[in-house]
PDB file of N, CA and C in Angstrom:
ATOM      1  N   MET A   1      50.786   7.092  -7.392  1.00  0.00           N
ATOM      2  CA  MET A   1      49.568   6.520  -6.860  1.00  0.00           C
ATOM      3  C   MET A   1      49.572   6.609  -5.342  1.00  0.00           C
ATOM      4  N   ALA A   2      48.393   6.779  -4.809  1.00  0.00           N
ATOM      5  CA  ALA A   2      48.276   6.862  -3.365  1.00  0.00           C
ATOM      6  C   ALA A   2      48.281   5.469  -2.775  1.00  0.00           C
ATOM      7  N   LYS A   3      48.862   5.371  -1.621  1.00  0.00           N
ATOM      8  CA  LYS A   3      48.928   4.082  -0.923  1.00  0.00           C
ATOM      9  C   LYS A   3      47.584   3.854  -0.278  1.00  0.00           C
ATOM     10  N   ARG A   4      47.026   2.646  -0.461  1.00  0.00           N
ATOM     11  CA  ARG A   4      45.722   2.312   0.129  1.00  0.00           C
ATOM     12  C   ARG A   4      45.922   1.562   1.421  1.00  0.00           C
ATOM     13  N   ASP A   5      45.087   1.915   2.408  1.00  0.00           N
ATOM     14  CA  ASP A   5      45.162   1.237   3.687  1.00  0.00           C
ATOM     15  C   ASP A   5      44.150   0.086   3.673  1.00  0.00           C
ATOM     16  N   THR A   6      44.641  -1.142   3.580  1.00  0.00           N
ATOM     17  CA  THR A   6      43.777  -2.299   3.470  1.00  0.00           C
ATOM     18  C   THR A   6      42.973  -2.521   4.750  1.00  0.00           C
ATOM     19  N   GLY A   7      43.505  -2.208   5.865  1.00  0.00           N
ATOM     20  CA  GLY A   7      42.820  -2.379   7.138  1.00  0.00           C
ATOM     21  C   GLY A   7      41.571  -1.512   7.236  1.00  0.00           C
ATOM     22  N   SER A   8      41.670  -0.252   6.820  1.00  0.00           N
ATOM     23  CA  SER A   8      40.513   0.635   6.900  1.00  0.00           C
ATOM     24  C   SER A   8      39.482   0.250   5.852  1.00  0.00           C
ATOM     25  N   ASN A   9      39.911  -0.247   4.686  1.00  0.00           N
ATOM     26  CA  ASN A   9      38.957  -0.690   3.676  1.00  0.00           C
ATOM     27  C   ASN A   9      38.125  -1.866   4.186  1.00  0.00           C
ATOM     28  N   ILE A  10      38.763  -2.788   4.859  1.00  0.00           N
ATOM     29  CA  ILE A  10      38.046  -3.930   5.425  1.00  0.00           C
ATOM     30  C   ILE A  10      37.084  -3.471   6.514  1.00  0.00           C
ATOM     31  N   ALA A  11      37.501  -2.523   7.327  1.00  0.00           N
ATOM     32  CA  ALA A  11      36.651  -2.008   8.398  1.00  0.00           C
ATOM     33  C   ALA A  11      35.416  -1.311   7.817  1.00  0.00           C
ATOM     34  N   PHE A  12      35.607  -0.530   6.769  1.00  0.00           N
ATOM     35  CA  PHE A  12      34.474   0.139   6.128  1.00  0.00           C
ATOM     36  C   PHE A  12      33.533  -0.876   5.494  1.00  0.00           C
ATOM     37  N   PHE A  13      34.136  -1.921   4.892  1.00  0.00           N
ATOM     38  CA  PHE A  13      33.302  -2.973   4.275  1.00  0.00           C
ATOM     39  C   PHE A  13      32.465  -3.660   5.345  1.00  0.00           C
ATOM     40  N   LEU A  14      33.074  -4.036   6.474  1.00  0.00           N
ATOM     41  CA  LEU A  14      32.339  -4.727   7.527  1.00  0.00           C
ATOM     42  C   LEU A  14      31.280  -3.818   8.160  1.00  0.00           C
ATOM     43  N   ALA A  15      31.582  -2.545   8.293  1.00  0.00           N
ATOM     44  CA  ALA A  15      30.610  -1.593   8.858  1.00  0.00           C
ATOM     45  C   ALA A  15      29.413  -1.461   7.914  1.00  0.00           C
ATOM     46  N   GLY A  16      29.664  -1.373   6.621  1.00  0.00           N
ATOM     47  CA  GLY A  16      28.587  -1.287   5.655  1.00  0.00           C
ATOM     48  C   GLY A  16      27.763  -2.568   5.618  1.00  0.00           C
ATOM     49  N   PHE A  17      28.427  -3.693   5.712  1.00  0.00           N
ATOM     50  CA  PHE A  17      27.723  -4.975   5.745  1.00  0.00           C
ATOM     51  C   PHE A  17      26.814  -5.066   6.961  1.00  0.00           C
ATOM     52  N   ALA A  18      27.309  -4.674   8.118  1.00  0.00           N
ATOM     53  CA  ALA A  18      26.515  -4.723   9.352  1.00  0.00           C
ATOM     54  C   ALA A  18      25.313  -3.779   9.264  1.00  0.00           C
ATOM     55  N   MET A  19      25.535  -2.589   8.748  1.00  0.00           N
ATOM     56  CA  MET A  19      24.421  -1.633   8.611  1.00  0.00           C
ATOM     57  C   MET A  19      23.378  -2.174   7.636  1.00  0.00           C
ATOM     58  N   GLY A  20      23.791  -2.807   6.572  1.00  0.00           N
ATOM     59  CA  GLY A  20      22.847  -3.400   5.625  1.00  0.00           C
ATOM     60  C   GLY A  20      22.060  -4.542   6.236  1.00  0.00           C
ATOM     61  N   ALA A  21      22.724  -5.365   7.017  1.00  0.00           N
ATOM     62  CA  ALA A  21      22.045  -6.489   7.683  1.00  0.00           C
ATOM     63  C   ALA A  21      21.033  -5.986   8.694  1.00  0.00           C
ATOM     64  N   ILE A  22      21.411  -5.002   9.472  1.00  0.00           N
ATOM     65  CA  ILE A  22      20.487  -4.426  10.473  1.00  0.00           C
ATOM     66  C   ILE A  22      19.295  -3.780   9.761  1.00  0.00           C
ATOM     67  N   GLY A  23      19.555  -3.030   8.712  1.00  0.00           N
ATOM     68  CA  GLY A  23      18.465  -2.418   7.941  1.00  0.00           C
ATOM     69  C   GLY A  23      17.536  -3.448   7.357  1.00  0.00           C
ATOM     70  N   ALA A  24      18.081  -4.542   6.851  1.00  0.00           N
ATOM     71  CA  ALA A  24      17.243  -5.596   6.273  1.00  0.00           C
ATOM     72  C   ALA A  24      16.362  -6.237   7.349  1.00  0.00           C
ATOM     73  N   LEU A  25      16.908  -6.470   8.530  1.00  0.00           N
ATOM     74  CA  LEU A  25      16.105  -7.057   9.595  1.00  0.00           C
ATOM     75  C   LEU A  25      15.012  -6.118  10.092  1.00  0.00           C
ATOM     76  N   LEU A  26      15.308  -4.819  10.129  1.00  0.00           N
ATOM     77  CA  LEU A  26      14.319  -3.851  10.588  1.00  0.00           C
ATOM     78  C   LEU A  26      13.225  -3.611   9.547  1.00  0.00           C
ATOM     79  N   LEU A  27      13.539  -3.742   8.279  1.00  0.00           N
ATOM     80  CA  LEU A  27      12.595  -3.404   7.237  1.00  0.00           C
ATOM     81  C   LEU A  27      11.935  -4.632   6.595  1.00  0.00           C
ATOM     82  N   VAL A  28      12.174  -5.802   7.131  1.00  0.00           N
ATOM     83  CA  VAL A  28      11.570  -7.006   6.552  1.00  0.00           C
ATOM     84  C   VAL A  28      10.043  -6.865   6.674  1.00  0.00           C
ATOM     85  N   PRO A  29       9.285  -7.168   5.593  1.00  0.00           N
ATOM     86  CA  PRO A  29       7.853  -6.888   5.594  1.00  0.00           C
ATOM     87  C   PRO A  29       7.052  -7.716   6.578  1.00  0.00           C
ATOM     88  N   ARG A  30       7.347  -8.979   6.709  1.00  0.00           N
ATOM     89  CA  ARG A  30       6.560  -9.815   7.620  1.00  0.00           C
ATOM     90  C   ARG A  30       7.294 -11.096   7.907  1.00  0.00           C
ATOM     91  N   SER A  31       6.840 -11.786   8.927  1.00  0.00           N
ATOM     92  CA  SER A  31       7.467 -13.067   9.286  1.00  0.00           C
ATOM     93  C   SER A  31       7.016 -14.137   8.302  1.00  0.00           C
ATOM     94  N   GLY A  32       7.632 -15.319   8.379  1.00  0.00           N
ATOM     95  CA  GLY A  32       7.287 -16.413   7.484  1.00  0.00           C
ATOM     96  C   GLY A  32       5.839 -16.853   7.638  1.00  0.00           C
ATOM     97  N   GLU A  33       5.359 -16.899   8.871  1.00  0.00           N
ATOM     98  CA  GLU A  33       3.957 -17.310   9.108  1.00  0.00           C
ATOM     99  C   GLU A  33       2.980 -16.302   8.501  1.00  0.00           C
ATOM    100  N   GLU A  34       3.284 -15.005   8.660  1.00  0.00           N
ATOM    101  CA  GLU A  34       2.417 -13.998   8.074  1.00  0.00           C
ATOM    102  C   GLU A  34       2.443 -14.054   6.544  1.00  0.00           C
ATOM    103  N   ALA A  35       3.588 -14.364   5.973  1.00  0.00           N
ATOM    104  CA  ALA A  35       3.707 -14.463   4.526  1.00  0.00           C
ATOM    105  C   ALA A  35       2.902 -15.650   4.014  1.00  0.00           C
ATOM    106  N   ARG A  36       2.919 -16.758   4.727  1.00  0.00           N
ATOM    107  CA  ARG A  36       2.122 -17.922   4.329  1.00  0.00           C
ATOM    108  C   ARG A  36       0.643 -17.633   4.436  1.00  0.00           C
ATOM    109  N   GLN A  37       0.252 -16.891   5.463  1.00  0.00           N
ATOM    110  CA  GLN A  37      -1.153 -16.505   5.636  1.00  0.00           C
ATOM    111  C   GLN A  37      -1.585 -15.590   4.497  1.00  0.00           C
ATOM    112  N   ALA A  38      -0.726 -14.698   4.085  1.00  0.00           N
ATOM    113  CA  ALA A  38      -1.059 -13.800   2.960  1.00  0.00           C
ATOM    114  C   ALA A  38      -1.257 -14.629   1.689  1.00  0.00           C
ATOM    115  N   GLY A  39      -0.480 -15.698   1.541  1.00  0.00           N
ATOM    116  CA  GLY A  39      -0.665 -16.582   0.405  1.00  0.00           C
ATOM    117  C   GLY A  39      -2.021 -17.255   0.429  1.00  0.00           C
ATOM    118  N   SER A  40      -2.510 -17.638   1.602  1.00  0.00           N
ATOM    119  CA  SER A  40      -3.826 -18.260   1.668  1.00  0.00           C
ATOM    120  C   SER A  40      -4.918 -17.233   1.376  1.00  0.00           C
ATOM    121  N   TRP A  41      -4.681 -15.976   1.738  1.00  0.00           N
ATOM    122  CA  TRP A  41      -5.663 -14.929   1.397  1.00  0.00           C
ATOM    123  C   TRP A  41      -5.753 -14.744  -0.097  1.00  0.00           C
ATOM    124  N   SER A  42      -4.622 -14.813  -0.774  1.00  0.00           N
ATOM    125  CA  SER A  42      -4.653 -14.673  -2.231  1.00  0.00           C
ATOM    126  C   SER A  42      -5.366 -15.842  -2.876  1.00  0.00           C
ATOM    127  N   ASP A  43      -5.205 -17.034  -2.299  1.00  0.00           N
ATOM    128  CA  ASP A  43      -5.950 -18.212  -2.814  1.00  0.00           C
ATOM    129  C   ASP A  43      -7.446 -18.025  -2.627  1.00  0.00           C
ATOM    130  N   LYS A  44      -7.857 -17.511  -1.449  1.00  0.00           N
ATOM    131  CA  LYS A  44      -9.264 -17.264  -1.219  1.00  0.00           C
ATOM    132  C   LYS A  44      -9.823 -16.203  -2.173  1.00  0.00           C
ATOM    133  N   GLY A  45      -9.030 -15.160  -2.421  1.00  0.00           N
ATOM    134  CA  GLY A  45      -9.447 -14.121  -3.349  1.00  0.00           C
ATOM    135  C   GLY A  45      -9.582 -14.650  -4.762  1.00  0.00           C
ATOM    136  N   ARG A  46      -8.639 -15.506  -5.168  1.00  0.00           N
ATOM    137  CA  ARG A  46      -8.691 -16.085  -6.518  1.00  0.00           C
ATOM    138  C   ARG A  46      -9.920 -16.984  -6.646  1.00  0.00           C
ATOM    139  N   GLU A  47     -10.226 -17.747  -5.598  1.00  0.00           N
ATOM    140  CA  GLU A  47     -11.405 -18.613  -5.615  1.00  0.00           C
ATOM    141  C   GLU A  47     -12.685 -17.779  -5.701  1.00  0.00           C
ATOM    142  N   TYR A  48     -12.766 -16.678  -4.956  1.00  0.00           N
ATOM    143  CA  TYR A  48     -13.916 -15.795  -4.993  1.00  0.00           C
ATOM    144  C   TYR A  48     -14.105 -15.202  -6.397  1.00  0.00           C
ATOM    145  N   LEU A  49     -13.024 -14.768  -7.011  1.00  0.00           N
ATOM    146  CA  LEU A  49     -13.122 -14.193  -8.350  1.00  0.00           C
ATOM    147  C   LEU A  49     -13.571 -15.230  -9.372  1.00  0.00           C
ATOM    148  N   ASN A  50     -13.116 -16.463  -9.225  1.00  0.00           N
ATOM    149  CA  ASN A  50     -13.569 -17.504 -10.146  1.00  0.00           C
ATOM    150  C   ASN A  50     -15.064 -17.780  -9.959  1.00  0.00           C
ATOM    151  N   GLN A  51     -15.546 -17.764  -8.717  1.00  0.00           N
ATOM    152  CA  GLN A  51     -16.991 -17.945  -8.484  1.00  0.00           C
ATOM    153  C   GLN A  51     -17.786 -16.815  -9.109  1.00  0.00           C
ATOM    154  N   GLN A  52     -17.314 -15.588  -8.965  1.00  0.00           N
ATOM    155  CA  GLN A  52     -18.010 -14.439  -9.538  1.00  0.00           C
ATOM    156  C   GLN A  52     -17.997 -14.518 -11.061  1.00  0.00           C
ATOM    157  N   LYS A  53     -16.897 -14.967 -11.623  1.00  0.00           N
ATOM    158  CA  LYS A  53     -16.811 -15.103 -13.067  1.00  0.00           C
ATOM    159  C   LYS A  53     -17.809 -16.131 -13.565  1.00  0.00           C
ATOM    160  N   GLU A  54     -17.962 -17.231 -12.854  1.00  0.00           N
ATOM    161  CA  GLU A  54     -18.931 -18.252 -13.269  1.00  0.00           C
ATOM    162  C   GLU A  54     -20.359 -17.732 -13.147  1.00  0.00           C
ATOM    163  N   GLN A  55     -20.667 -16.977 -12.101  1.00  0.00           N
ATOM    164  CA  GLN A  55     -22.001 -16.415 -11.938  1.00  0.00           C
ATOM    165  C   GLN A  55     -22.310 -15.417 -13.073  1.00  0.00           C
ATOM    166  N   ILE A  56     -21.345 -14.606 -13.413  1.00  0.00           N
ATOM    167  CA  ILE A  56     -21.543 -13.637 -14.485  1.00  0.00           C
ATOM    168  C   ILE A  56     -21.726 -14.369 -15.827  1.00  0.00           C
ATOM    169  N   ARG A  57     -20.926 -15.408 -16.036  1.00  0.00           N
ATOM    170  CA  ARG A  57     -21.034 -16.160 -17.286  1.00  0.00           C
ATOM    171  C   ARG A  57     -22.398 -16.817 -17.381  1.00  0.00           C
ATOM    172  N   SER A  58     -22.904 -17.421 -16.286  1.00  0.00           N
ATOM    173  CA  SER A  58     -24.205 -18.082 -16.340  1.00  0.00           C
ATOM    174  C   SER A  58     -25.341 -17.057 -16.525  1.00  0.00           C
ATOM    175  N   ALA A  59     -25.223 -15.885 -15.896  1.00  0.00           N
ATOM    176  CA  ALA A  59     -26.247 -14.846 -16.082  1.00  0.00           C
ATOM    177  C   ALA A  59     -26.220 -14.339 -17.509  1.00  0.00           C
ATOM    178  N   TYR A  60     -25.043 -14.195 -18.071  1.00  0.00           N
ATOM    179  CA  TYR A  60     -24.922 -13.758 -19.477  1.00  0.00           C
ATOM    180  C   TYR A  60     -25.582 -14.776 -20.410  1.00  0.00           C
ATOM    181  N   GLU A  61     -25.298 -16.036 -20.203  1.00  0.00           N
ATOM    182  CA  GLU A  61     -25.876 -17.071 -21.039  1.00  0.00           C
ATOM    183  C   GLU A  61     -27.394 -17.135 -20.881  1.00  0.00           C
ATOM    184  N   ALA A  62     -27.902 -16.970 -19.665  1.00  0.00           N
ATOM    185  CA  ALA A  62     -29.336 -16.965 -19.447  1.00  0.00           C
ATOM    186  C   ALA A  62     -30.001 -15.784 -20.172  1.00  0.00           C
ATOM    187  N   GLY A  63     -29.392 -14.630 -20.083  1.00  0.00           N
ATOM    188  CA  GLY A  63     -29.913 -13.453 -20.788  1.00  0.00           C
ATOM    189  C   GLY A  63     -29.864 -13.624 -22.286  1.00  0.00           C
ATOM    190  N   ARG A  64     -28.793 -14.195 -22.760  1.00  0.00           N
ATOM    191  CA  ARG A  64     -28.663 -14.433 -24.188  1.00  0.00           C
ATOM    192  C   ARG A  64     -29.703 -15.402 -24.696  1.00  0.00           C
ATOM    193  N   GLN A  65     -29.944 -16.460 -23.920  1.00  0.00           N
ATOM    194  CA  GLN A  65     -30.973 -17.442 -24.296  1.00  0.00           C
ATOM    195  C   GLN A  65     -32.360 -16.814 -24.251  1.00  0.00           C
ATOM    196  N   ALA A  66     -32.627 -16.012 -23.231  1.00  0.00           N
ATOM    197  CA  ALA A  66     -33.924 -15.361 -23.118  1.00  0.00           C
ATOM    198  C   ALA A  66     -34.172 -14.380 -24.256  1.00  0.00           C
ATOM    199  N   TYR A  67     -33.127 -13.747 -24.746  1.00  0.00           N
ATOM    200  CA  TYR A  67     -33.261 -12.819 -25.855  1.00  0.00           C
ATOM    201  C   TYR A  67     -33.580 -13.571 -27.153  1.00  0.00           C
ATOM    202  N   ARG A  68     -32.961 -14.720 -27.323  1.00  0.00           N
ATOM    203  CA  ARG A  68     -33.144 -15.470 -28.553  1.00  0.00           C
ATOM    204  C   ARG A  68     -34.495 -16.199 -28.618  1.00  0.00           C
ATOM    205  N   GLU A  69     -35.020 -16.611 -27.485  1.00  0.00           N
ATOM    206  CA  GLU A  69     -36.277 -17.352 -27.456  1.00  0.00           C
ATOM    207  C   GLU A  69     -37.424 -16.381 -27.175  1.00  0.00           C
ATOM    208  N   PRO A  70     -38.506 -16.453 -27.960  1.00  0.00           N
ATOM    209  CA  PRO A  70     -39.647 -15.587 -27.653  1.00  0.00           C
ATOM    210  C   PRO A  70     -40.311 -16.035 -26.352  1.00  0.00           C
ATOM    211  N   SER A  71     -40.737 -15.083 -25.558  1.00  0.00           N
ATOM    212  CA  SER A  71     -41.355 -15.423 -24.290  1.00  0.00           C
ATOM    213  C   SER A  71     -42.799 -15.857 -24.513  1.00  0.00           C
ATOM    214  N   ALA A  72     -43.296 -16.728 -23.663  1.00  0.00           N
ATOM    215  CA  ALA A  72     -44.655 -17.273 -23.802  1.00  0.00           C
ATOM    216  C   ALA A  72     -45.702 -16.203 -23.511  1.00  0.00           C
ATOM    217  N   GLY A  73     -45.458 -15.343 -22.533  1.00  0.00           N
ATOM    218  CA  GLY A  73     -46.467 -14.350 -22.139  1.00  0.00           C
ATOM    219  C   GLY A  73     -46.194 -12.975 -22.704  1.00  0.00           C
ATOM    220  N   GLY A  74     -45.148 -12.799 -23.480  1.00  0.00           N
ATOM    221  CA  GLY A  74     -44.802 -11.476 -23.999  1.00  0.00           C
ATOM    222  C   GLY A  74     -45.563 -11.122 -25.247  1.00  0.00           C
ATOM    223  N   LEU A  75     -45.458  -9.878 -25.631  1.00  0.00           N
ATOM    224  CA  LEU A  75     -46.119  -9.387 -26.839  1.00  0.00           C
ATOM    225  C   LEU A  75     -45.242  -9.665 -28.032  1.00  0.00           C
ATOM    226  N   ASP A  76     -45.855 -10.099 -29.129  1.00  0.00           N
ATOM    227  CA  ASP A  76     -45.082 -10.263 -30.358  1.00  0.00           C
ATOM    228  C   ASP A  76     -45.260  -9.028 -31.229  1.00  0.00           C
ATOM    229  N   SER A  77     -44.578  -8.996 -32.365  1.00  0.00           N
ATOM    230  CA  SER A  77     -44.616  -7.808 -33.213  1.00  0.00           C
ATOM    231  C   SER A  77     -45.988  -7.549 -33.811  1.00  0.00           C
ATOM    232  N   ALA A  78     -46.790  -8.580 -34.020  1.00  0.00           N
ATOM    233  CA  ALA A  78     -48.144  -8.391 -34.574  1.00  0.00           C
ATOM    234  C   ALA A  78     -49.025  -7.658 -33.570  1.00  0.00           C
ATOM    235  N   GLU A  79     -48.840  -7.937 -32.276  1.00  0.00           N
ATOM    236  CA  GLU A  79     -49.640  -7.281 -31.251  1.00  0.00           C
ATOM    237  C   GLU A  79     -49.183  -5.832 -31.056  1.00  0.00           C
ATOM    238  N   LEU A  80     -47.964  -5.542 -31.418  1.00  0.00           N
ATOM    239  CA  LEU A  80     -47.435  -4.182 -31.259  1.00  0.00           C
ATOM    240  C   LEU A  80     -47.698  -3.318 -32.465  1.00  0.00           C
ATOM    241  N   GLY A  81     -48.315  -3.834 -33.510  1.00  0.00           N
ATOM    242  CA  GLY A  81     -48.618  -3.015 -34.677  1.00  0.00           C
ATOM    243  C   GLY A  81     -47.915  -3.488 -35.911  1.00  0.00           C
ATOM    244  N   GLY A  82     -47.473  -4.690 -35.918  1.00  0.00           N
ATOM    245  CA  GLY A  82     -46.885  -5.255 -37.130  1.00  0.00           C
ATOM    246  C   GLY A  82     -45.375  -5.085 -37.151  1.00  0.00           C
ATOM    247  N   ASP A  83     -44.825  -5.549 -38.180  1.00  0.00           N
ATOM    248  CA  ASP A  83     -43.389  -5.520 -38.384  1.00  0.00           C
ATOM    249  C   ASP A  83     -42.960  -4.120 -38.804  1.00  0.00           C
ATOM    250  N   GLU A  84     -41.915  -3.598 -38.229  1.00  0.00           N
ATOM    251  CA  GLU A  84     -41.443  -2.265 -38.530  1.00  0.00           C
ATOM    252  C   GLU A  84     -40.977  -2.135 -39.965  1.00  0.00           C
ATOM    253  N   THR A  85     -40.513  -3.212 -40.572  1.00  0.00           N
ATOM    254  CA  THR A  85     -39.987  -3.141 -41.914  1.00  0.00           C
ATOM    255  C   THR A  85     -41.090  -3.021 -42.962  1.00  0.00           C
ATOM    256  N   THR A  86     -42.310  -3.394 -42.623  1.00  0.00           N
ATOM    257  CA  THR A  86     -43.414  -3.350 -43.608  1.00  0.00           C
ATOM    258  C   THR A  86     -44.238  -2.079 -43.496  1.00  0.00           C
ATOM    259  N   LYS A  87     -44.013  -1.249 -42.482  1.00  0.00           N
ATOM    260  CA  LYS A  87     -44.783  -0.030 -42.302  1.00  0.00           C
ATOM    261  C   LYS A  87     -44.375   0.991 -43.361  1.00  0.00           C
ATOM    262  N   ASP A  88     -45.344   1.850 -43.719  1.00  0.00           N
ATOM    263  CA  ASP A  88     -45.064   2.931 -44.662  1.00  0.00           C
ATOM    264  C   ASP A  88     -44.286   4.023 -43.957  1.00  0.00           C
ATOM    265  N   ARG A  89     -43.183   4.412 -44.528  1.00  0.00           N
ATOM    266  CA  ARG A  89     -42.298   5.397 -43.880  1.00  0.00           C
ATOM    267  C   ARG A  89     -42.384   6.734 -44.587  1.00  0.00           C
ATOM    268  N   SER A  90     -43.536   7.330 -44.692  1.00  0.00           N
ATOM    269  CA  SER A  90     -43.633   8.608 -45.359  1.00  0.00           C
ATOM    270  C   SER A  90     -43.659   9.767 -44.412  1.00  0.00           C
TER     271      SER A  90
END
């Protein structure tokens, strides 16, 4: 077996550790304050999406109700020529 030099192994370990720490500091995405601000942006976005969801839901329900209820000023099937199921289909 080859004799291992413990001193050089420790030096390589410390050099790798230092390079990793420097790389981490250089590549960190943002400061703590910027990260907290990004969190508030996501809260605002989530709130906006919830508002849009409620508007869509209320518009859907209004359309659904309007479809189910006959309109007061609209034409009914008798004015349009009667019921389609009773017409002669020859």
